[in-house]
């Protein structure tokens, strides 16, 4: 098995507690479907900064990532298949899938 990072962009925080609970339920259901493939459920991101090669700092992350998870899968295609069920997609977001390298 290889570890893959699922990097989330987009999505939003719902405006009511009821909608927030529904979103959290969707995430927990998805994690339940992934089962033992979940290595690290991850977390949403908050504020960010970007440091450029010249040392300049900008006030937000250049990639606009909103969160991450780490999963185990047999291949990139298998990890992509897992990502297709991610709740961030229902909120108009996207999932980037990155294979990690053993060092």
N, C-alpha and C. Protein backbone atom coordinates (compact mmCIF):
# COMPACT_ATOMS: atom_id res chain seq x y z
N UNK A 1 0.84 -1.18 0.00
CA UNK A 1 0.00 0.00 0.00
C UNK A 1 0.89 1.25 0.00
N UNK A 2 0.39 2.25 -0.64
CA UNK A 2 1.08 3.54 -0.73
C UNK A 2 0.18 4.60 -0.12
N UNK A 3 0.80 5.59 0.49
CA UNK A 3 0.03 6.70 1.06
C UNK A 3 -0.21 7.77 -0.01
N UNK A 4 -1.41 8.33 0.02
CA UNK A 4 -1.79 9.40 -0.89
C UNK A 4 -2.39 10.53 -0.07
N UNK A 5 -2.05 11.75 -0.44
CA UNK A 5 -2.64 12.93 0.19
C UNK A 5 -3.79 13.40 -0.68
N UNK A 6 -4.95 13.56 -0.08
CA UNK A 6 -6.09 14.15 -0.75
C UNK A 6 -6.13 15.61 -0.30
N UNK A 7 -5.87 16.53 -1.23
CA UNK A 7 -5.83 17.96 -0.92
C UNK A 7 -7.11 18.60 -1.43
N UNK A 8 -7.84 19.23 -0.53
CA UNK A 8 -9.14 19.79 -0.87
C UNK A 8 -9.05 21.27 -1.19
N UNK A 9 -9.81 21.69 -2.19
CA UNK A 9 -9.99 23.11 -2.48
C UNK A 9 -11.48 23.37 -2.57
N UNK A 10 -11.87 24.59 -2.20
CA UNK A 10 -13.28 24.96 -2.29
C UNK A 10 -14.08 24.46 -1.12
N UNK A 11 -15.38 24.45 -1.33
CA UNK A 11 -16.29 24.13 -0.24
C UNK A 11 -16.53 25.38 0.59
N UNK A 12 -17.36 25.28 1.58
CA UNK A 12 -17.66 26.43 2.44
C UNK A 12 -18.23 25.93 3.75
N UNK A 13 -18.26 26.82 4.72
CA UNK A 13 -18.88 26.50 6.01
C UNK A 13 -20.35 26.89 5.91
N UNK A 14 -21.25 25.93 6.09
CA UNK A 14 -22.68 26.24 6.02
C UNK A 14 -23.08 27.29 7.03
N UNK A 15 -24.17 28.00 6.73
CA UNK A 15 -24.57 29.13 7.55
C UNK A 15 -25.48 28.80 8.73
N UNK A 16 -25.93 27.55 8.84
CA UNK A 16 -26.76 27.18 9.99
C UNK A 16 -26.17 25.95 10.66
N UNK A 17 -26.49 25.79 11.93
CA UNK A 17 -26.00 24.62 12.68
C UNK A 17 -26.54 23.33 12.06
N UNK A 18 -27.76 23.35 11.61
CA UNK A 18 -28.37 22.17 10.99
C UNK A 18 -27.59 21.76 9.74
N UNK A 19 -27.27 22.72 8.90
CA UNK A 19 -26.51 22.43 7.68
C UNK A 19 -25.08 22.00 8.02
N UNK A 20 -24.47 22.61 9.04
CA UNK A 20 -23.13 22.22 9.47
C UNK A 20 -23.12 20.77 9.94
N UNK A 21 -24.16 20.39 10.69
CA UNK A 21 -24.26 19.00 11.16
C UNK A 21 -24.43 18.04 10.00
N UNK A 22 -25.20 18.43 8.99
CA UNK A 22 -25.39 17.58 7.81
C UNK A 22 -24.08 17.39 7.06
N UNK A 23 -23.29 18.45 6.95
CA UNK A 23 -21.99 18.34 6.29
C UNK A 23 -21.06 17.44 7.09
N UNK A 24 -21.03 17.62 8.41
CA UNK A 24 -20.19 16.77 9.25
C UNK A 24 -20.62 15.31 9.15
N UNK A 25 -21.92 15.06 9.10
CA UNK A 25 -22.42 13.68 8.93
C UNK A 25 -21.95 13.10 7.60
N UNK A 26 -21.97 13.91 6.54
CA UNK A 26 -21.52 13.44 5.23
C UNK A 26 -20.04 13.05 5.28
N UNK A 27 -19.22 13.87 5.95
CA UNK A 27 -17.80 13.55 6.08
C UNK A 27 -17.60 12.27 6.89
N UNK A 28 -18.31 12.14 7.99
CA UNK A 28 -18.14 10.96 8.83
C UNK A 28 -18.61 9.70 8.10
N UNK A 29 -19.69 9.80 7.33
CA UNK A 29 -20.16 8.66 6.53
C UNK A 29 -19.11 8.27 5.49
N UNK A 30 -18.52 9.28 4.83
CA UNK A 30 -17.50 8.98 3.83
C UNK A 30 -16.28 8.32 4.47
N UNK A 31 -15.82 8.87 5.61
CA UNK A 31 -14.70 8.24 6.31
C UNK A 31 -15.04 6.81 6.68
N UNK A 32 -16.29 6.57 7.09
CA UNK A 32 -16.73 5.21 7.42
C UNK A 32 -16.66 4.29 6.22
N UNK A 33 -17.01 4.79 5.04
CA UNK A 33 -16.94 4.00 3.81
C UNK A 33 -15.49 3.68 3.44
N UNK A 34 -14.58 4.62 3.74
CA UNK A 34 -13.17 4.40 3.43
C UNK A 34 -12.53 3.39 4.37
N UNK A 35 -13.07 3.28 5.57
CA UNK A 35 -12.61 2.29 6.53
C UNK A 35 -11.12 2.37 6.80
N UNK A 36 -10.44 1.23 6.67
CA UNK A 36 -9.01 1.14 7.01
C UNK A 36 -8.11 1.88 6.02
N UNK A 37 -8.66 2.37 4.92
CA UNK A 37 -7.85 3.16 3.98
C UNK A 37 -7.45 4.50 4.58
N UNK A 38 -8.20 4.96 5.57
CA UNK A 38 -7.88 6.25 6.20
C UNK A 38 -6.63 6.10 7.08
N UNK A 39 -5.59 6.86 6.75
CA UNK A 39 -4.39 6.92 7.57
C UNK A 39 -4.49 8.09 8.53
N UNK A 40 -4.95 9.22 8.01
CA UNK A 40 -5.13 10.44 8.79
C UNK A 40 -6.33 11.17 8.19
N UNK A 41 -7.39 11.32 8.96
CA UNK A 41 -8.58 12.00 8.47
C UNK A 41 -8.32 13.45 8.10
N UNK A 42 -7.23 14.00 8.62
CA UNK A 42 -6.84 15.36 8.28
C UNK A 42 -7.65 16.39 9.00
N UNK A 43 -7.73 17.56 8.39
CA UNK A 43 -8.42 18.69 9.00
C UNK A 43 -8.62 19.77 7.95
N UNK A 44 -9.60 20.65 8.20
CA UNK A 44 -9.72 21.82 7.34
C UNK A 44 -8.61 22.81 7.69
N UNK A 45 -8.27 23.65 6.74
CA UNK A 45 -7.27 24.68 6.97
C UNK A 45 -7.94 25.99 7.34
N UNK A 46 -7.22 26.80 8.07
CA UNK A 46 -7.69 28.13 8.47
C UNK A 46 -6.86 29.16 7.71
N UNK A 47 -6.35 30.14 8.39
CA UNK A 47 -5.57 31.19 7.74
C UNK A 47 -4.27 30.63 7.19
N UNK A 48 -3.69 31.34 6.21
CA UNK A 48 -2.46 30.86 5.60
C UNK A 48 -1.62 32.02 5.09
N UNK A 49 -0.37 31.73 4.79
CA UNK A 49 0.55 32.67 4.16
C UNK A 49 1.37 31.89 3.14
N UNK A 50 1.91 32.60 2.18
CA UNK A 50 2.81 32.00 1.20
C UNK A 50 4.15 32.72 1.26
N UNK A 51 5.24 31.94 1.33
CA UNK A 51 6.58 32.50 1.29
C UNK A 51 7.15 32.23 -0.09
N UNK A 52 7.49 33.28 -0.82
CA UNK A 52 8.05 33.15 -2.15
C UNK A 52 9.53 32.85 -2.12
N UNK A 53 10.10 32.47 -3.25
CA UNK A 53 11.52 32.13 -3.34
C UNK A 53 12.41 33.31 -2.97
N UNK A 54 11.91 34.53 -3.10
CA UNK A 54 12.67 35.72 -2.73
C UNK A 54 12.46 36.10 -1.27
N UNK A 55 11.70 35.29 -0.53
CA UNK A 55 11.43 35.55 0.87
C UNK A 55 10.22 36.42 1.13
N UNK A 56 9.62 36.93 0.06
CA UNK A 56 8.43 37.76 0.22
C UNK A 56 7.27 36.91 0.75
N UNK A 57 6.49 37.48 1.64
CA UNK A 57 5.36 36.78 2.25
C UNK A 57 4.07 37.45 1.81
N UNK A 58 3.14 36.62 1.32
CA UNK A 58 1.81 37.14 1.00
C UNK A 58 0.82 36.58 2.01
N UNK A 59 -0.28 37.26 2.17
CA UNK A 59 -1.21 36.99 3.26
C UNK A 59 -2.11 35.78 3.07
N UNK A 60 -2.04 35.10 1.95
CA UNK A 60 -2.88 33.91 1.79
C UNK A 60 -2.11 32.83 1.05
N UNK A 61 -2.60 31.60 1.18
CA UNK A 61 -1.96 30.48 0.51
C UNK A 61 -2.19 30.56 -1.00
N UNK A 62 -1.14 30.41 -1.77
CA UNK A 62 -1.23 30.52 -3.22
C UNK A 62 -2.12 29.44 -3.83
N UNK A 63 -2.13 28.27 -3.24
CA UNK A 63 -2.87 27.15 -3.83
C UNK A 63 -4.34 27.13 -3.45
N UNK A 64 -4.72 27.92 -2.46
CA UNK A 64 -6.12 28.00 -2.00
C UNK A 64 -6.65 26.68 -1.43
N UNK A 65 -5.76 25.86 -0.88
CA UNK A 65 -6.19 24.61 -0.26
C UNK A 65 -7.07 24.89 0.94
N UNK A 66 -8.06 24.03 1.15
CA UNK A 66 -8.97 24.20 2.28
C UNK A 66 -8.91 23.04 3.28
N UNK A 67 -8.13 21.99 2.99
CA UNK A 67 -8.00 20.88 3.92
C UNK A 67 -7.30 19.71 3.28
N UNK A 68 -7.16 18.62 4.04
CA UNK A 68 -6.46 17.43 3.54
C UNK A 68 -6.90 16.18 4.30
N UNK A 69 -6.62 15.04 3.71
CA UNK A 69 -6.69 13.73 4.37
C UNK A 69 -5.58 12.89 3.78
N UNK A 70 -5.21 11.82 4.46
CA UNK A 70 -4.21 10.88 3.96
C UNK A 70 -4.85 9.49 3.94
N UNK A 71 -4.72 8.81 2.79
CA UNK A 71 -5.29 7.47 2.64
C UNK A 71 -4.23 6.50 2.15
N UNK A 72 -4.46 5.22 2.38
CA UNK A 72 -3.67 4.14 1.80
C UNK A 72 -4.43 3.60 0.60
N UNK A 73 -3.72 3.35 -0.49
CA UNK A 73 -4.34 2.75 -1.68
C UNK A 73 -3.28 2.00 -2.46
N UNK A 74 -3.72 1.08 -3.32
CA UNK A 74 -2.80 0.27 -4.11
C UNK A 74 -2.20 1.03 -5.29
N UNK A 75 -2.88 2.11 -5.74
CA UNK A 75 -2.41 2.84 -6.91
C UNK A 75 -3.03 4.24 -6.92
N UNK A 76 -2.51 5.08 -7.78
CA UNK A 76 -3.09 6.41 -7.94
C UNK A 76 -4.55 6.30 -8.38
N UNK A 77 -4.83 5.40 -9.31
CA UNK A 77 -6.22 5.22 -9.77
C UNK A 77 -7.13 4.81 -8.62
N UNK A 78 -6.64 3.94 -7.74
CA UNK A 78 -7.45 3.51 -6.60
C UNK A 78 -7.68 4.68 -5.64
N UNK A 79 -6.68 5.51 -5.43
CA UNK A 79 -6.83 6.67 -4.56
C UNK A 79 -7.81 7.67 -5.16
N UNK A 80 -7.75 7.86 -6.47
CA UNK A 80 -8.69 8.75 -7.16
C UNK A 80 -10.12 8.22 -6.98
N UNK A 81 -10.29 6.91 -7.08
CA UNK A 81 -11.62 6.33 -6.90
C UNK A 81 -12.15 6.62 -5.50
N UNK A 82 -11.26 6.55 -4.48
CA UNK A 82 -11.68 6.89 -3.12
C UNK A 82 -12.08 8.36 -3.02
N UNK A 83 -11.33 9.23 -3.69
CA UNK A 83 -11.57 10.67 -3.63
C UNK A 83 -12.90 11.06 -4.26
N UNK A 84 -13.40 10.25 -5.18
CA UNK A 84 -14.64 10.60 -5.88
C UNK A 84 -15.85 10.66 -4.96
N UNK A 85 -15.76 10.09 -3.76
CA UNK A 85 -16.87 10.15 -2.81
C UNK A 85 -16.76 11.30 -1.81
N UNK A 86 -15.74 12.13 -1.94
CA UNK A 86 -15.48 13.18 -0.95
C UNK A 86 -16.60 14.21 -0.90
N UNK A 87 -17.09 14.54 0.29
CA UNK A 87 -18.17 15.52 0.42
C UNK A 87 -17.83 16.92 -0.08
N UNK A 88 -16.58 17.29 -0.16
CA UNK A 88 -16.24 18.63 -0.66
C UNK A 88 -16.70 18.80 -2.10
N UNK A 89 -16.82 17.71 -2.83
CA UNK A 89 -17.28 17.77 -4.22
C UNK A 89 -18.72 18.26 -4.30
N UNK A 90 -19.55 17.85 -3.36
CA UNK A 90 -20.96 18.26 -3.34
C UNK A 90 -21.10 19.75 -3.04
N UNK A 91 -20.06 20.36 -2.47
CA UNK A 91 -20.08 21.79 -2.15
C UNK A 91 -19.39 22.61 -3.24
N UNK A 92 -19.12 21.98 -4.39
CA UNK A 92 -18.49 22.69 -5.50
C UNK A 92 -16.98 22.72 -5.44
N UNK A 93 -16.39 21.99 -4.50
CA UNK A 93 -14.94 21.95 -4.37
C UNK A 93 -14.32 20.89 -5.26
N UNK A 94 -13.02 20.69 -5.08
CA UNK A 94 -12.30 19.67 -5.83
C UNK A 94 -11.31 18.96 -4.91
N UNK A 95 -10.82 17.82 -5.39
CA UNK A 95 -9.84 17.04 -4.63
C UNK A 95 -8.64 16.77 -5.54
N UNK A 96 -7.46 17.16 -5.09
CA UNK A 96 -6.23 16.82 -5.78
C UNK A 96 -5.64 15.61 -5.06
N UNK A 97 -5.16 14.63 -5.81
CA UNK A 97 -4.65 13.40 -5.22
C UNK A 97 -3.16 13.32 -5.51
N UNK A 98 -2.35 13.23 -4.45
CA UNK A 98 -0.90 13.17 -4.58
C UNK A 98 -0.35 11.90 -3.96
N UNK A 99 0.45 11.16 -4.70
CA UNK A 99 1.15 10.00 -4.15
C UNK A 99 2.35 10.48 -3.37
N UNK A 100 2.54 9.95 -2.17
CA UNK A 100 3.73 10.30 -1.38
C UNK A 100 4.87 9.37 -1.77
N UNK A 101 6.07 9.83 -1.54
CA UNK A 101 7.26 9.02 -1.88
C UNK A 101 7.94 8.60 -0.59
N UNK A 102 8.36 7.34 -0.53
CA UNK A 102 9.14 6.85 0.61
C UNK A 102 10.54 7.46 0.52
N UNK A 103 11.01 8.01 1.61
CA UNK A 103 12.34 8.59 1.64
C UNK A 103 13.19 7.87 2.66
